[in-house]
Amino acid sequence: MEHDIATLISKLPDDKAELFLKLHSRSAPAIAPAVDGTCYGCGIDLPTYMNPEILRCEDIYQCPSCARFLYPYSGEKLGLKPGRLGKQLPRLGIDKFSSERLMLPHLEGNDPESILAELSRTVAEELDFPHPDRLLERALEREGIISTALAHGLAFPHVRGFDGGSLSLAVGVRKKGIKFGAPSNRLTRIFFFAVIPLASSAFYLKLLAGLAESFREKDARDELLRCEEPKDLWKALKKATRKYIA
């Protein structure tokens, strides 16, 4: 099989072959079927214009979110086993962007830098990204421009512009709250930390809107604050966002 893969790679343009190998080493497999307008590599809904183009197979197409190479699939329903991709695919709703492994119900930091460091390390570990300090640096730069903290104890720190991978979201809770630049110097308790690849800015805006709507009500926020375990936080997040994040 490895010989077959090498043979196929040799037929790709040099830039595509290099990207394929990079993706394969970081988040194998580097190719994914496009099924009914969904990328089976990351579960994102593909832009409508791409679907007929992928079916025509006249070019090499990539998912705008996870950058995997796409091929059309219209056979029997796919049943992918957990393991290599880590989850059953396609993912729906908040599952497209996060997982239980990215839930931090007990953030320990007492200031913005230490909070963002915890979140950066968690995301870097999940994405197999070797430089969590770079994520932290970029997140702090972003907060230095204007705080992402909003009313009701919520903050949306994020990092934009990384190549490859998929839009990823970590959620952290600091029950006592810290000063994070919120209006009227209010305390921030819930942090939604996103790493946004170059191709996923539009998806992040939709995700941000969905999160803001999901946690507009105090009851939804309180449910997150009551969580003691990552699995509980993940369950509460999925419940709260089911209506607003498709």
C-alpha atoms as a PDB file:
ATOM      1  CA  MET A   1       0.000   0.000   0.000  1.00  0.00           C
ATOM      2  CA  GLU A   2       2.815   2.424   0.857  1.00  0.00           C
ATOM      3  CA  HIS A   3       4.323   1.761  -2.578  1.00  0.00           C
ATOM      4  CA  ASP A   4       0.974   2.547  -4.217  1.00  0.00           C
ATOM      5  CA  ILE A   5       0.704   5.783  -2.262  1.00  0.00           C
ATOM      6  CA  ALA A   6       4.230   6.784  -3.250  1.00  0.00           C
ATOM      7  CA  THR A   7       3.428   6.081  -6.907  1.00  0.00           C
ATOM      8  CA  LEU A   8       0.326   8.267  -6.760  1.00  0.00           C
ATOM      9  CA  ILE A   9       2.196  11.066  -4.995  1.00  0.00           C
ATOM     10  CA  SER A  10       4.829  11.048  -7.727  1.00  0.00           C
ATOM     11  CA  LYS A  11       2.101  11.957 -10.237  1.00  0.00           C
ATOM     12  CA  LEU A  12       1.045  15.061  -8.316  1.00  0.00           C
ATOM     13  CA  PRO A  13       2.434  18.543  -9.012  1.00  0.00           C
ATOM     14  CA  ASP A  14       5.345  19.284  -6.709  1.00  0.00           C
ATOM     15  CA  ASP A  15       3.439  21.786  -4.557  1.00  0.00           C
ATOM     16  CA  LYS A  16       0.477  19.415  -4.138  1.00  0.00           C
ATOM     17  CA  ALA A  17       2.765  16.486  -3.326  1.00  0.00           C
ATOM     18  CA  GLU A  18       4.535  18.524  -0.652  1.00  0.00           C
ATOM     19  CA  LEU A  19       1.229  19.587   0.890  1.00  0.00           C
ATOM     20  CA  PHE A  20      -0.072  16.000   0.776  1.00  0.00           C
ATOM     21  CA  LEU A  21       2.941  14.714   2.708  1.00  0.00           C
ATOM     22  CA  LYS A  22       2.625  17.543   5.238  1.00  0.00           C
ATOM     23  CA  LEU A  23      -1.052  16.796   5.840  1.00  0.00           C
ATOM     24  CA  HIS A  24      -0.459  13.052   5.977  1.00  0.00           C
ATOM     25  CA  SER A  25       2.174  13.435   8.680  1.00  0.00           C
ATOM     26  CA  ARG A  26       0.092  15.873  10.733  1.00  0.00           C
ATOM     27  CA  SER A  27      -3.482  14.550  10.472  1.00  0.00           C
ATOM     28  CA  ALA A  28      -3.600  11.381   8.392  1.00  0.00           C
ATOM     29  CA  PRO A  29      -5.317  10.553   6.153  1.00  0.00           C
ATOM     30  CA  ALA A  30      -4.619  13.503   3.875  1.00  0.00           C
ATOM     31  CA  ILE A  31      -7.564  12.705   1.600  1.00  0.00           C
ATOM     32  CA  ALA A  32     -11.258  12.526   2.425  1.00  0.00           C
ATOM     33  CA  PRO A  33     -14.479  11.730   0.593  1.00  0.00           C
ATOM     34  CA  ALA A  34     -16.992  14.485  -0.073  1.00  0.00           C
ATOM     35  CA  VAL A  35     -20.413  13.055   0.771  1.00  0.00           C
ATOM     36  CA  ASP A  36     -23.604  15.029   0.161  1.00  0.00           C
ATOM     37  CA  GLY A  37     -21.774  18.347   0.475  1.00  0.00           C
ATOM     38  CA  THR A  38     -19.837  17.390   3.623  1.00  0.00           C
ATOM     39  CA  CYS A  39     -16.097  16.873   4.016  1.00  0.00           C
ATOM     40  CA  TYR A  40     -15.621  13.537   5.770  1.00  0.00           C
ATOM     41  CA  GLY A  41     -12.215  14.676   6.991  1.00  0.00           C
ATOM     42  CA  CYS A  42     -13.449  17.389   9.356  1.00  0.00           C
ATOM     43  CA  GLY A  43     -17.236  17.265   9.024  1.00  0.00           C
ATOM     44  CA  ILE A  44     -17.585  20.808   7.684  1.00  0.00           C
ATOM     45  CA  ASP A  45     -20.329  21.710   5.209  1.00  0.00           C
ATOM     46  CA  LEU A  46     -18.553  22.494   1.949  1.00  0.00           C
ATOM     47  CA  PRO A  47     -19.346  25.692   0.022  1.00  0.00           C
ATOM     48  CA  THR A  48     -22.184  25.017  -2.401  1.00  0.00           C
ATOM     49  CA  TYR A  49     -20.139  25.924  -5.479  1.00  0.00           C
ATOM     50  CA  MET A  50     -17.611  23.178  -4.739  1.00  0.00           C
ATOM     51  CA  ASN A  51     -19.995  20.228  -4.928  1.00  0.00           C
ATOM     52  CA  PRO A  52     -20.519  20.079  -8.706  1.00  0.00           C
ATOM     53  CA  GLU A  53     -16.841  20.862  -9.310  1.00  0.00           C
ATOM     54  CA  ILE A  54     -15.739  17.943  -7.140  1.00  0.00           C
ATOM     55  CA  LEU A  55     -18.116  15.635  -9.005  1.00  0.00           C
ATOM     56  CA  ARG A  56     -16.585  16.649 -12.356  1.00  0.00           C
ATOM     57  CA  CYS A  57     -13.084  15.671 -11.142  1.00  0.00           C
ATOM     58  CA  GLU A  58     -11.443  18.189 -13.467  1.00  0.00           C
ATOM     59  CA  ASP A  59      -9.036  19.517 -10.860  1.00  0.00           C
ATOM     60  CA  ILE A  60      -7.584  18.782  -7.416  1.00  0.00           C
ATOM     61  CA  TYR A  61      -9.868  20.176  -4.737  1.00  0.00           C
ATOM     62  CA  GLN A  62      -9.210  20.740  -1.051  1.00  0.00           C
ATOM     63  CA  CYS A  63     -11.476  21.288   1.916  1.00  0.00           C
ATOM     64  CA  PRO A  64     -11.404  25.006   2.854  1.00  0.00           C
ATOM     65  CA  SER A  65     -11.369  24.060   6.537  1.00  0.00           C
ATOM     66  CA  CYS A  66      -9.044  21.076   7.065  1.00  0.00           C
ATOM     67  CA  ALA A  67      -7.176  21.355   3.696  1.00  0.00           C
ATOM     68  CA  ARG A  68      -7.586  17.623   2.948  1.00  0.00           C
ATOM     69  CA  PHE A  69      -7.774  16.568  -0.688  1.00  0.00           C
ATOM     70  CA  LEU A  70     -11.346  15.720  -1.630  1.00  0.00           C
ATOM     71  CA  TYR A  71     -12.844  13.092  -3.893  1.00  0.00           C
ATOM     72  CA  PRO A  72     -16.537  12.480  -4.675  1.00  0.00           C
ATOM     73  CA  TYR A  73     -18.287   9.561  -3.006  1.00  0.00           C
ATOM     74  CA  SER A  74     -21.851   8.430  -3.686  1.00  0.00           C
ATOM     75  CA  GLY A  75     -21.781   4.739  -2.738  1.00  0.00           C
ATOM     76  CA  GLU A  76     -23.051   3.047   0.397  1.00  0.00           C
ATOM     77  CA  LYS A  77     -23.056   4.933   3.685  1.00  0.00           C
ATOM     78  CA  LEU A  78     -19.564   5.170   5.124  1.00  0.00           C
ATOM     79  CA  GLY A  79     -18.915   3.596   8.498  1.00  0.00           C
ATOM     80  CA  LEU A  80     -15.560   4.881   9.711  1.00  0.00           C
ATOM     81  CA  LYS A  81     -14.192   3.321  12.870  1.00  0.00           C
ATOM     82  CA  PRO A  82     -12.751   5.523  15.602  1.00  0.00           C
ATOM     83  CA  GLY A  83      -8.994   5.658  15.801  1.00  0.00           C
ATOM     84  CA  ARG A  84      -7.111   7.164  12.928  1.00  0.00           C
ATOM     85  CA  LEU A  85      -9.332  10.184  12.641  1.00  0.00           C
ATOM     86  CA  GLY A  86     -10.165  10.016  16.312  1.00  0.00           C
ATOM     87  CA  LYS A  87     -13.933  10.206  15.876  1.00  0.00           C
ATOM     88  CA  GLN A  88     -16.832   8.973  13.843  1.00  0.00           C
ATOM     89  CA  LEU A  89     -17.322  11.251  10.839  1.00  0.00           C
ATOM     90  CA  PRO A  90     -18.969  13.335   9.619  1.00  0.00           C
ATOM     91  CA  ARG A  91     -19.271  15.448  12.700  1.00  0.00           C
ATOM     92  CA  LEU A  92     -22.223  17.733  13.227  1.00  0.00           C
ATOM     93  CA  GLY A  93     -22.792  20.887  15.232  1.00  0.00           C
ATOM     94  CA  ILE A  94     -20.132  21.766  17.780  1.00  0.00           C
ATOM     95  CA  ASP A  95     -18.504  18.352  17.121  1.00  0.00           C
ATOM     96  CA  LYS A  96     -17.075  19.869  13.943  1.00  0.00           C
ATOM     97  CA  PHE A  97     -14.860  22.144  15.999  1.00  0.00           C
ATOM     98  CA  SER A  98     -14.257  20.646  19.414  1.00  0.00           C
ATOM     99  CA  SER A  99     -14.234  17.532  21.602  1.00  0.00           C
ATOM    100  CA  GLU A 100     -14.196  16.392  25.208  1.00  0.00           C
ATOM    101  CA  ARG A 101     -10.399  16.538  25.095  1.00  0.00           C
ATOM    102  CA  LEU A 102     -10.622  20.307  24.631  1.00  0.00           C
ATOM    103  CA  MET A 103     -12.748  20.904  27.731  1.00  0.00           C
ATOM    104  CA  LEU A 104     -11.091  22.532  30.783  1.00  0.00           C
ATOM    105  CA  PRO A 105     -13.609  22.869  33.644  1.00  0.00           C
ATOM    106  CA  HIS A 106     -10.973  23.977  36.186  1.00  0.00           C
ATOM    107  CA  LEU A 107      -8.687  26.638  34.764  1.00  0.00           C
ATOM    108  CA  GLU A 108      -6.084  27.544  37.376  1.00  0.00           C
ATOM    109  CA  GLY A 109      -4.702  30.846  36.086  1.00  0.00           C
ATOM    110  CA  ASN A 110      -5.232  34.130  37.889  1.00  0.00           C
ATOM    111  CA  ASP A 111      -4.486  36.464  34.972  1.00  0.00           C
ATOM    112  CA  PRO A 112      -5.068  36.562  31.191  1.00  0.00           C
ATOM    113  CA  GLU A 113      -1.619  35.240  30.279  1.00  0.00           C
ATOM    114  CA  SER A 114      -1.808  32.151  32.488  1.00  0.00           C
ATOM    115  CA  ILE A 115      -5.376  31.403  31.387  1.00  0.00           C
ATOM    116  CA  LEU A 116      -4.407  31.663  27.716  1.00  0.00           C
ATOM    117  CA  ALA A 117      -1.317  29.526  28.353  1.00  0.00           C
ATOM    118  CA  GLU A 118      -3.482  26.684  29.683  1.00  0.00           C
ATOM    119  CA  LEU A 119      -5.810  26.914  26.705  1.00  0.00           C
ATOM    120  CA  SER A 120      -2.942  27.156  24.214  1.00  0.00           C
ATOM    121  CA  ARG A 121      -1.236  24.060  25.610  1.00  0.00           C
ATOM    122  CA  THR A 122      -4.446  22.073  25.416  1.00  0.00           C
ATOM    123  CA  VAL A 123      -5.150  23.013  21.813  1.00  0.00           C
ATOM    124  CA  ALA A 124      -1.535  22.464  20.771  1.00  0.00           C
ATOM    125  CA  GLU A 125      -1.564  18.985  22.283  1.00  0.00           C
ATOM    126  CA  GLU A 126      -4.831  18.093  20.559  1.00  0.00           C
ATOM    127  CA  LEU A 127      -3.646  19.399  17.171  1.00  0.00           C
ATOM    128  CA  ASP A 128      -0.163  17.941  17.605  1.00  0.00           C
ATOM    129  CA  PHE A 129       1.162  21.477  17.171  1.00  0.00           C
ATOM    130  CA  PRO A 130       4.765  21.701  18.441  1.00  0.00           C
ATOM    131  CA  HIS A 131       4.753  25.371  19.500  1.00  0.00           C
ATOM    132  CA  PRO A 132       2.077  26.198  22.098  1.00  0.00           C
ATOM    133  CA  ASP A 133       4.130  29.260  23.011  1.00  0.00           C
ATOM    134  CA  ARG A 134       3.469  30.618  19.529  1.00  0.00           C
ATOM    135  CA  LEU A 135      -0.279  30.208  20.009  1.00  0.00           C
ATOM    136  CA  LEU A 136      -0.001  31.993  23.348  1.00  0.00           C
ATOM    137  CA  GLU A 137       2.025  34.834  21.853  1.00  0.00           C
ATOM    138  CA  ARG A 138      -0.481  35.382  19.059  1.00  0.00           C
ATOM    139  CA  ALA A 139      -3.446  35.200  21.440  1.00  0.00           C
ATOM    140  CA  LEU A 140      -1.871  37.795  23.732  1.00  0.00           C
ATOM    141  CA  GLU A 141      -1.166  40.047  20.750  1.00  0.00           C
ATOM    142  CA  ARG A 142      -4.816  39.811  19.770  1.00  0.00           C
ATOM    143  CA  GLU A 143      -5.996  40.640  23.300  1.00  0.00           C
ATOM    144  CA  GLY A 144      -3.584  43.573  23.328  1.00  0.00           C
ATOM    145  CA  ILE A 145      -5.452  45.168  20.413  1.00  0.00           C
ATOM    146  CA  ILE A 146      -8.835  44.957  22.119  1.00  0.00           C
ATOM    147  CA  SER A 147     -10.138  42.509  24.669  1.00  0.00           C
ATOM    148  CA  THR A 148     -12.370  39.693  23.428  1.00  0.00           C
ATOM    149  CA  ALA A 149     -14.188  39.658  26.777  1.00  0.00           C
ATOM    150  CA  LEU A 150     -17.863  40.506  26.578  1.00  0.00           C
ATOM    151  CA  ALA A 151     -20.638  40.951  29.094  1.00  0.00           C
ATOM    152  CA  HIS A 152     -22.035  38.028  31.117  1.00  0.00           C
ATOM    153  CA  GLY A 153     -18.597  36.634  31.970  1.00  0.00           C
ATOM    154  CA  LEU A 154     -17.745  35.368  28.459  1.00  0.00           C
ATOM    155  CA  ALA A 155     -14.546  35.809  26.428  1.00  0.00           C
ATOM    156  CA  PHE A 156     -13.626  34.657  22.917  1.00  0.00           C
ATOM    157  CA  PRO A 157      -9.821  34.735  22.619  1.00  0.00           C
ATOM    158  CA  HIS A 158      -8.561  33.411  19.289  1.00  0.00           C
ATOM    159  CA  VAL A 159      -5.609  32.967  16.987  1.00  0.00           C
ATOM    160  CA  ARG A 160      -5.899  33.416  13.223  1.00  0.00           C
ATOM    161  CA  GLY A 161      -3.771  32.595  10.223  1.00  0.00           C
ATOM    162  CA  PHE A 162      -2.275  29.152  10.751  1.00  0.00           C
ATOM    163  CA  ASP A 163      -1.820  26.908   7.700  1.00  0.00           C
ATOM    164  CA  GLY A 164      -3.656  23.603   7.413  1.00  0.00           C
ATOM    165  CA  GLY A 165      -5.617  21.787  10.073  1.00  0.00           C
ATOM    166  CA  SER A 166      -9.201  22.560  10.957  1.00  0.00           C
ATOM    167  CA  LEU A 167     -10.909  25.209  13.031  1.00  0.00           C
ATOM    168  CA  SER A 168     -10.544  24.069  16.654  1.00  0.00           C
ATOM    169  CA  LEU A 169     -12.248  25.321  19.809  1.00  0.00           C
ATOM    170  CA  ALA A 170     -11.269  24.789  23.442  1.00  0.00           C
ATOM    171  CA  VAL A 171     -13.556  25.784  26.291  1.00  0.00           C
ATOM    172  CA  GLY A 172     -12.225  26.689  29.717  1.00  0.00           C
ATOM    173  CA  VAL A 173     -13.986  27.686  32.934  1.00  0.00           C
ATOM    174  CA  ARG A 174     -12.560  29.738  35.811  1.00  0.00           C
ATOM    175  CA  LYS A 175     -15.371  29.630  38.343  1.00  0.00           C
ATOM    176  CA  LYS A 176     -14.079  32.480  40.527  1.00  0.00           C
ATOM    177  CA  GLY A 177     -13.490  34.639  37.468  1.00  0.00           C
ATOM    178  CA  ILE A 178     -10.599  36.928  36.548  1.00  0.00           C
ATOM    179  CA  LYS A 179     -10.219  40.395  35.099  1.00  0.00           C
ATOM    180  CA  PHE A 180      -9.912  39.923  31.337  1.00  0.00           C
ATOM    181  CA  GLY A 181     -10.853  43.360  30.031  1.00  0.00           C
ATOM    182  CA  ALA A 182     -14.634  42.958  30.128  1.00  0.00           C
ATOM    183  CA  PRO A 183     -16.923  46.029  30.110  1.00  0.00           C
ATOM    184  CA  SER A 184     -17.177  47.820  33.480  1.00  0.00           C
ATOM    185  CA  ASN A 185     -14.225  45.722  34.688  1.00  0.00           C
ATOM    186  CA  ARG A 186     -16.496  42.725  35.271  1.00  0.00           C
ATOM    187  CA  LEU A 187     -15.033  39.284  35.887  1.00  0.00           C
ATOM    188  CA  THR A 188     -14.739  36.716  33.088  1.00  0.00           C
ATOM    189  CA  ARG A 189     -15.450  33.074  33.871  1.00  0.00           C
ATOM    190  CA  ILE A 190     -15.986  31.231  30.573  1.00  0.00           C
ATOM    191  CA  PHE A 191     -13.383  31.233  27.786  1.00  0.00           C
ATOM    192  CA  PHE A 192     -13.938  30.042  24.216  1.00  0.00           C
ATOM    193  CA  PHE A 193     -10.461  29.758  22.691  1.00  0.00           C
ATOM    194  CA  ALA A 194     -10.311  29.183  18.910  1.00  0.00           C
ATOM    195  CA  VAL A 195      -7.436  28.462  16.533  1.00  0.00           C
ATOM    196  CA  ILE A 196      -8.511  29.550  13.058  1.00  0.00           C
ATOM    197  CA  PRO A 197      -6.714  28.355   9.891  1.00  0.00           C
ATOM    198  CA  LEU A 198      -6.419  30.705   6.931  1.00  0.00           C
ATOM    199  CA  ALA A 199      -9.307  29.083   5.081  1.00  0.00           C
ATOM    200  CA  SER A 200     -11.737  29.064   8.015  1.00  0.00           C
ATOM    201  CA  SER A 201     -12.398  32.710   8.898  1.00  0.00           C
ATOM    202  CA  ALA A 202     -15.940  32.629   7.546  1.00  0.00           C
ATOM    203  CA  PHE A 203     -16.689  29.453   9.488  1.00  0.00           C
ATOM    204  CA  TYR A 204     -15.400  31.077  12.679  1.00  0.00           C
ATOM    205  CA  LEU A 205     -17.777  34.026  12.328  1.00  0.00           C
ATOM    206  CA  LYS A 206     -20.700  31.595  12.127  1.00  0.00           C
ATOM    207  CA  LEU A 207     -19.356  29.662  15.110  1.00  0.00           C
ATOM    208  CA  LEU A 208     -18.896  32.871  17.117  1.00  0.00           C
ATOM    209  CA  ALA A 209     -22.453  33.979  16.383  1.00  0.00           C
ATOM    210  CA  GLY A 210     -23.767  30.568  17.399  1.00  0.00           C
ATOM    211  CA  LEU A 211     -21.850  30.568  20.677  1.00  0.00           C
ATOM    212  CA  ALA A 212     -22.985  34.081  21.556  1.00  0.00           C
ATOM    213  CA  GLU A 213     -26.611  33.117  20.932  1.00  0.00           C
ATOM    214  CA  SER A 214     -26.268  29.809  22.797  1.00  0.00           C
ATOM    215  CA  PHE A 215     -25.027  31.478  25.969  1.00  0.00           C
ATOM    216  CA  ARG A 216     -27.088  34.626  25.952  1.00  0.00           C
ATOM    217  CA  GLU A 217     -29.254  33.208  28.735  1.00  0.00           C
ATOM    218  CA  LYS A 218     -27.916  32.919  32.283  1.00  0.00           C
ATOM    219  CA  ASP A 219     -29.172  29.338  32.730  1.00  0.00           C
ATOM    220  CA  ALA A 220     -26.957  28.094  29.887  1.00  0.00           C
ATOM    221  CA  ARG A 221     -23.912  29.865  31.335  1.00  0.00           C
ATOM    222  CA  ASP A 222     -24.623  28.568  34.824  1.00  0.00           C
ATOM    223  CA  GLU A 223     -24.776  25.019  33.523  1.00  0.00           C
ATOM    224  CA  LEU A 224     -21.211  25.336  32.210  1.00  0.00           C
ATOM    225  CA  LEU A 225     -20.047  26.804  35.517  1.00  0.00           C
ATOM    226  CA  ARG A 226     -21.468  23.846  37.452  1.00  0.00           C
ATOM    227  CA  CYS A 227     -19.469  21.270  35.486  1.00  0.00           C
ATOM    228  CA  GLU A 228     -16.728  19.421  37.373  1.00  0.00           C
ATOM    229  CA  GLU A 229     -15.424  17.008  34.734  1.00  0.00           C
ATOM    230  CA  PRO A 230     -14.445  17.465  31.056  1.00  0.00           C
ATOM    231  CA  LYS A 231     -17.161  15.011  30.007  1.00  0.00           C
ATOM    232  CA  ASP A 232     -19.786  17.092  31.850  1.00  0.00           C
ATOM    233  CA  LEU A 233     -18.571  20.325  30.277  1.00  0.00           C
ATOM    234  CA  TRP A 234     -18.630  18.740  26.836  1.00  0.00           C
ATOM    235  CA  LYS A 235     -22.149  17.429  27.373  1.00  0.00           C
ATOM    236  CA  ALA A 236     -23.366  20.848  28.542  1.00  0.00           C
ATOM    237  CA  LEU A 237     -21.699  22.587  25.604  1.00  0.00           C
ATOM    238  CA  LYS A 238     -23.314  20.236  23.113  1.00  0.00           C
ATOM    239  CA  LYS A 239     -26.715  20.672  24.728  1.00  0.00           C
ATOM    240  CA  ALA A 240     -26.537  24.467  24.763  1.00  0.00           C
ATOM    241  CA  THR A 241     -25.293  24.821  21.172  1.00  0.00           C
ATOM    242  CA  ARG A 242     -27.506  22.195  19.507  1.00  0.00           C
ATOM    243  CA  LYS A 243     -30.066  24.758  18.350  1.00  0.00           C
ATOM    244  CA  TYR A 244     -27.678  27.448  17.117  1.00  0.00           C
ATOM    245  CA  ILE A 245     -24.667  25.612  15.646  1.00  0.00           C
ATOM    246  CA  ALA A 246     -25.646  23.322  12.786  1.00  0.00           C
END
